[in-house]
């Protein structure tokens, strides 16, 4: 992954981590705020996605308020098999994000499903696909902490 970001890329990330214009033409408005064209903004975002400088660019929905299910999951994956399992887990559209940890449980991901009862089904599918157990840790209480990384 290359972190070679110019001043405009940094401005895009720093400006829009906490929100994006909500209007009929949000990319046009965002681009105007940055002093670039809408096409340039879209191309830059796609370029950062292609270079894996961003893992995703889009809204974050509160799945449970929309009638869906949400759960934090962990797996114990041997280092020699981590990349394969990572690709398999990330192929599930219900996996919101996935990250490695330096711990016995070294793969963690958030599962967001259209309905709460779909969580167990997707976890079983992930176990069947990967050959490894998934530990499901549904939240008991929610806390919101705003987090923004200046780049």
C-alpha atoms as a PDB file:
ATOM      1  CA  UNK A   1       0.000   0.000   0.000  1.00  0.00           C
ATOM      2  CA  UNK A   2       1.355   3.366  -0.981  1.00  0.00           C
ATOM      3  CA  UNK A   3       0.643   6.371   1.235  1.00  0.00           C
ATOM      4  CA  UNK A   4       1.903   8.826  -1.367  1.00  0.00           C
ATOM      5  CA  UNK A   5      -0.820  11.477  -1.023  1.00  0.00           C
ATOM      6  CA  UNK A   6      -0.620  14.958  -2.477  1.00  0.00           C
ATOM      7  CA  UNK A   7      -2.169  18.015  -0.796  1.00  0.00           C
ATOM      8  CA  UNK A   8      -5.511  17.577  -2.585  1.00  0.00           C
ATOM      9  CA  UNK A   9      -5.811  13.893  -1.645  1.00  0.00           C
ATOM     10  CA  UNK A  10      -5.029  14.822   1.962  1.00  0.00           C
ATOM     11  CA  UNK A  11      -7.634  17.597   1.853  1.00  0.00           C
ATOM     12  CA  UNK A  12     -10.235  15.137   0.530  1.00  0.00           C
ATOM     13  CA  UNK A  13      -9.543  12.689   3.364  1.00  0.00           C
ATOM     14  CA  UNK A  14      -9.285  15.295   6.104  1.00  0.00           C
ATOM     15  CA  UNK A  15     -12.379  17.212   4.982  1.00  0.00           C
ATOM     16  CA  UNK A  16     -14.762  14.337   4.390  1.00  0.00           C
ATOM     17  CA  UNK A  17     -13.957  11.773   7.079  1.00  0.00           C
ATOM     18  CA  UNK A  18     -16.673  13.218   9.267  1.00  0.00           C
ATOM     19  CA  UNK A  19     -19.359  13.724   6.682  1.00  0.00           C
ATOM     20  CA  UNK A  20     -20.170  14.381   3.048  1.00  0.00           C
ATOM     21  CA  UNK A  21     -22.636  16.849   1.526  1.00  0.00           C
ATOM     22  CA  UNK A  22     -26.183  15.566   1.436  1.00  0.00           C
ATOM     23  CA  UNK A  23     -27.806  17.104  -1.601  1.00  0.00           C
ATOM     24  CA  UNK A  24     -28.760  16.353  -5.191  1.00  0.00           C
ATOM     25  CA  UNK A  25     -25.146  16.578  -6.462  1.00  0.00           C
ATOM     26  CA  UNK A  26     -22.908  15.812  -3.461  1.00  0.00           C
ATOM     27  CA  UNK A  27     -19.707  15.145  -5.437  1.00  0.00           C
ATOM     28  CA  UNK A  28     -20.070  18.433  -7.294  1.00  0.00           C
ATOM     29  CA  UNK A  29     -20.572  20.357  -4.040  1.00  0.00           C
ATOM     30  CA  UNK A  30     -17.662  18.558  -2.350  1.00  0.00           C
ATOM     31  CA  UNK A  31     -15.386  19.228  -5.322  1.00  0.00           C
ATOM     32  CA  UNK A  32     -16.298  22.925  -5.366  1.00  0.00           C
ATOM     33  CA  UNK A  33     -15.458  23.141  -1.640  1.00  0.00           C
ATOM     34  CA  UNK A  34     -12.019  21.717  -2.453  1.00  0.00           C
ATOM     35  CA  UNK A  35     -11.483  23.902  -5.546  1.00  0.00           C
ATOM     36  CA  UNK A  36     -11.387  20.967  -7.979  1.00  0.00           C
ATOM     37  CA  UNK A  37     -13.797  19.505 -10.531  1.00  0.00           C
ATOM     38  CA  UNK A  38     -16.320  16.793  -9.769  1.00  0.00           C
ATOM     39  CA  UNK A  39     -14.552  14.486 -12.242  1.00  0.00           C
ATOM     40  CA  UNK A  40     -11.208  15.095 -10.533  1.00  0.00           C
ATOM     41  CA  UNK A  41     -12.714  14.298  -7.118  1.00  0.00           C
ATOM     42  CA  UNK A  42     -14.270  11.056  -8.358  1.00  0.00           C
ATOM     43  CA  UNK A  43     -11.047  10.049 -10.128  1.00  0.00           C
ATOM     44  CA  UNK A  44      -8.971  10.783  -7.033  1.00  0.00           C
ATOM     45  CA  UNK A  45     -11.289   8.754  -4.802  1.00  0.00           C
ATOM     46  CA  UNK A  46     -11.198   5.843  -7.230  1.00  0.00           C
ATOM     47  CA  UNK A  47      -7.414   6.104  -7.424  1.00  0.00           C
ATOM     48  CA  UNK A  48      -7.091   5.944  -3.623  1.00  0.00           C
ATOM     49  CA  UNK A  49      -9.402   2.915  -3.587  1.00  0.00           C
ATOM     50  CA  UNK A  50      -7.424   1.225  -6.366  1.00  0.00           C
ATOM     51  CA  UNK A  51      -4.134   1.837  -4.512  1.00  0.00           C
ATOM     52  CA  UNK A  52      -5.711   0.551  -1.262  1.00  0.00           C
ATOM     53  CA  UNK A  53      -5.166   3.923   0.407  1.00  0.00           C
ATOM     54  CA  UNK A  54      -8.899   3.722   1.181  1.00  0.00           C
ATOM     55  CA  UNK A  55     -10.722   0.490   1.901  1.00  0.00           C
ATOM     56  CA  UNK A  56     -14.099   2.029   1.115  1.00  0.00           C
ATOM     57  CA  UNK A  57     -15.739   5.379   0.501  1.00  0.00           C
ATOM     58  CA  UNK A  58     -19.399   5.656   1.327  1.00  0.00           C
ATOM     59  CA  UNK A  59     -21.977   6.167   4.039  1.00  0.00           C
ATOM     60  CA  UNK A  60     -22.004   4.297   7.315  1.00  0.00           C
ATOM     61  CA  UNK A  61     -25.493   3.080   8.158  1.00  0.00           C
ATOM     62  CA  UNK A  62     -26.772   2.061  11.574  1.00  0.00           C
ATOM     63  CA  UNK A  63     -27.877  -1.449  10.566  1.00  0.00           C
ATOM     64  CA  UNK A  64     -29.952  -2.108  13.654  1.00  0.00           C
ATOM     65  CA  UNK A  65     -31.989   1.079  13.283  1.00  0.00           C
ATOM     66  CA  UNK A  66     -32.764  -0.026   9.741  1.00  0.00           C
ATOM     67  CA  UNK A  67     -33.988  -3.429  10.945  1.00  0.00           C
ATOM     68  CA  UNK A  68     -30.712  -5.232  10.306  1.00  0.00           C
ATOM     69  CA  UNK A  69     -28.220  -7.140  12.387  1.00  0.00           C
ATOM     70  CA  UNK A  70     -24.750  -6.080  13.487  1.00  0.00           C
ATOM     71  CA  UNK A  71     -22.045  -8.053  15.271  1.00  0.00           C
ATOM     72  CA  UNK A  72     -18.316  -8.016  15.971  1.00  0.00           C
ATOM     73  CA  UNK A  73     -16.629 -11.283  15.006  1.00  0.00           C
ATOM     74  CA  UNK A  74     -13.191 -12.782  15.521  1.00  0.00           C
ATOM     75  CA  UNK A  75     -11.234 -15.725  14.143  1.00  0.00           C
ATOM     76  CA  UNK A  76      -7.963 -17.504  14.930  1.00  0.00           C
ATOM     77  CA  UNK A  77      -6.150 -17.938  11.631  1.00  0.00           C
ATOM     78  CA  UNK A  78      -2.633 -19.383  11.172  1.00  0.00           C
ATOM     79  CA  UNK A  79      -0.345 -16.789   9.570  1.00  0.00           C
ATOM     80  CA  UNK A  80       0.285 -19.163   6.664  1.00  0.00           C
ATOM     81  CA  UNK A  81      -3.439 -19.143   5.833  1.00  0.00           C
ATOM     82  CA  UNK A  82      -4.274 -15.558   6.776  1.00  0.00           C
ATOM     83  CA  UNK A  83      -4.283 -14.038   3.270  1.00  0.00           C
ATOM     84  CA  UNK A  84      -6.511 -16.763   1.828  1.00  0.00           C
ATOM     85  CA  UNK A  85      -9.034 -16.511   4.670  1.00  0.00           C
ATOM     86  CA  UNK A  86      -8.898 -12.706   4.585  1.00  0.00           C
ATOM     87  CA  UNK A  87      -9.862 -12.736   0.893  1.00  0.00           C
ATOM     88  CA  UNK A  88     -12.660 -15.244   1.537  1.00  0.00           C
ATOM     89  CA  UNK A  89     -14.101 -13.293   4.470  1.00  0.00           C
ATOM     90  CA  UNK A  90     -13.905  -9.994   2.598  1.00  0.00           C
ATOM     91  CA  UNK A  91     -15.811 -11.532  -0.325  1.00  0.00           C
ATOM     92  CA  UNK A  92     -18.955 -11.618   1.814  1.00  0.00           C
ATOM     93  CA  UNK A  93     -20.949  -8.429   1.199  1.00  0.00           C
ATOM     94  CA  UNK A  94     -22.086  -8.467   4.831  1.00  0.00           C
ATOM     95  CA  UNK A  95     -18.517  -7.911   6.085  1.00  0.00           C
ATOM     96  CA  UNK A  96     -18.301  -4.183   6.780  1.00  0.00           C
ATOM     97  CA  UNK A  97     -14.571  -4.126   7.537  1.00  0.00           C
ATOM     98  CA  UNK A  98     -11.912  -6.630   8.456  1.00  0.00           C
ATOM     99  CA  UNK A  99      -8.588  -6.094  10.160  1.00  0.00           C
ATOM    100  CA  UNK A 100      -5.641  -8.042  11.550  1.00  0.00           C
ATOM    101  CA  UNK A 101      -4.681  -7.988  15.237  1.00  0.00           C
ATOM    102  CA  UNK A 102      -1.533  -9.111  17.003  1.00  0.00           C
ATOM    103  CA  UNK A 103      -3.395 -11.558  19.236  1.00  0.00           C
ATOM    104  CA  UNK A 104      -4.483 -15.213  19.325  1.00  0.00           C
ATOM    105  CA  UNK A 105      -7.692 -13.952  17.749  1.00  0.00           C
ATOM    106  CA  UNK A 106      -5.894 -12.294  14.860  1.00  0.00           C
ATOM    107  CA  UNK A 107      -8.760 -11.530  12.446  1.00  0.00           C
ATOM    108  CA  UNK A 108     -11.611  -9.236  13.464  1.00  0.00           C
ATOM    109  CA  UNK A 109     -14.509  -8.024  11.359  1.00  0.00           C
ATOM    110  CA  UNK A 110     -17.908  -6.400  11.665  1.00  0.00           C
ATOM    111  CA  UNK A 111     -20.835  -8.242  10.169  1.00  0.00           C
ATOM    112  CA  UNK A 112     -23.853  -6.166   9.061  1.00  0.00           C
ATOM    113  CA  UNK A 113     -26.881  -8.037   7.744  1.00  0.00           C
ATOM    114  CA  UNK A 114     -30.294  -7.038   6.427  1.00  0.00           C
ATOM    115  CA  UNK A 115     -32.046  -8.896   9.257  1.00  0.00           C
ATOM    116  CA  UNK A 116     -30.821  -9.945  12.721  1.00  0.00           C
ATOM    117  CA  UNK A 117     -31.499 -13.627  12.042  1.00  0.00           C
ATOM    118  CA  UNK A 118     -29.179 -13.531   9.006  1.00  0.00           C
ATOM    119  CA  UNK A 119     -26.117 -13.100  11.292  1.00  0.00           C
ATOM    120  CA  UNK A 120     -26.012 -16.796  12.247  1.00  0.00           C
ATOM    121  CA  UNK A 121     -26.520 -17.884   8.624  1.00  0.00           C
ATOM    122  CA  UNK A 122     -23.638 -15.737   7.344  1.00  0.00           C
ATOM    123  CA  UNK A 123     -21.355 -16.873  10.179  1.00  0.00           C
ATOM    124  CA  UNK A 124     -22.039 -20.494   9.238  1.00  0.00           C
ATOM    125  CA  UNK A 125     -21.316 -19.691   5.578  1.00  0.00           C
ATOM    126  CA  UNK A 126     -18.013 -18.050   6.524  1.00  0.00           C
ATOM    127  CA  UNK A 127     -17.037 -21.076   8.631  1.00  0.00           C
ATOM    128  CA  UNK A 128     -17.911 -23.460   5.790  1.00  0.00           C
ATOM    129  CA  UNK A 129     -16.008 -21.369   3.246  1.00  0.00           C
ATOM    130  CA  UNK A 130     -12.874 -20.811   5.333  1.00  0.00           C
ATOM    131  CA  UNK A 131     -12.751 -23.984   7.408  1.00  0.00           C
ATOM    132  CA  UNK A 132     -12.242 -21.937  10.596  1.00  0.00           C
ATOM    133  CA  UNK A 133     -14.542 -21.148  13.513  1.00  0.00           C
ATOM    134  CA  UNK A 134     -16.001 -17.653  13.804  1.00  0.00           C
ATOM    135  CA  UNK A 135     -16.492 -16.258  17.311  1.00  0.00           C
ATOM    136  CA  UNK A 136     -19.563 -14.038  17.393  1.00  0.00           C
ATOM    137  CA  UNK A 137     -19.580 -11.172  19.901  1.00  0.00           C
ATOM    138  CA  UNK A 138     -22.841  -9.237  19.594  1.00  0.00           C
ATOM    139  CA  UNK A 139     -22.870  -5.906  21.358  1.00  0.00           C
ATOM    140  CA  UNK A 140     -24.703  -5.541  24.619  1.00  0.00           C
ATOM    141  CA  UNK A 141     -24.494  -1.755  24.822  1.00  0.00           C
ATOM    142  CA  UNK A 142     -23.472   0.869  22.285  1.00  0.00           C
ATOM    143  CA  UNK A 143     -21.105   3.772  22.857  1.00  0.00           C
ATOM    144  CA  UNK A 144     -20.332   6.363  20.194  1.00  0.00           C
ATOM    145  CA  UNK A 145     -16.828   7.765  19.976  1.00  0.00           C
ATOM    146  CA  UNK A 146     -16.122  10.124  17.103  1.00  0.00           C
ATOM    147  CA  UNK A 147     -12.760   9.282  15.571  1.00  0.00           C
ATOM    148  CA  UNK A 148     -11.009  11.199  12.825  1.00  0.00           C
ATOM    149  CA  UNK A 149      -7.476  10.679  11.566  1.00  0.00           C
ATOM    150  CA  UNK A 150      -5.687  13.734  10.185  1.00  0.00           C
ATOM    151  CA  UNK A 151      -3.531  12.699   7.220  1.00  0.00           C
END
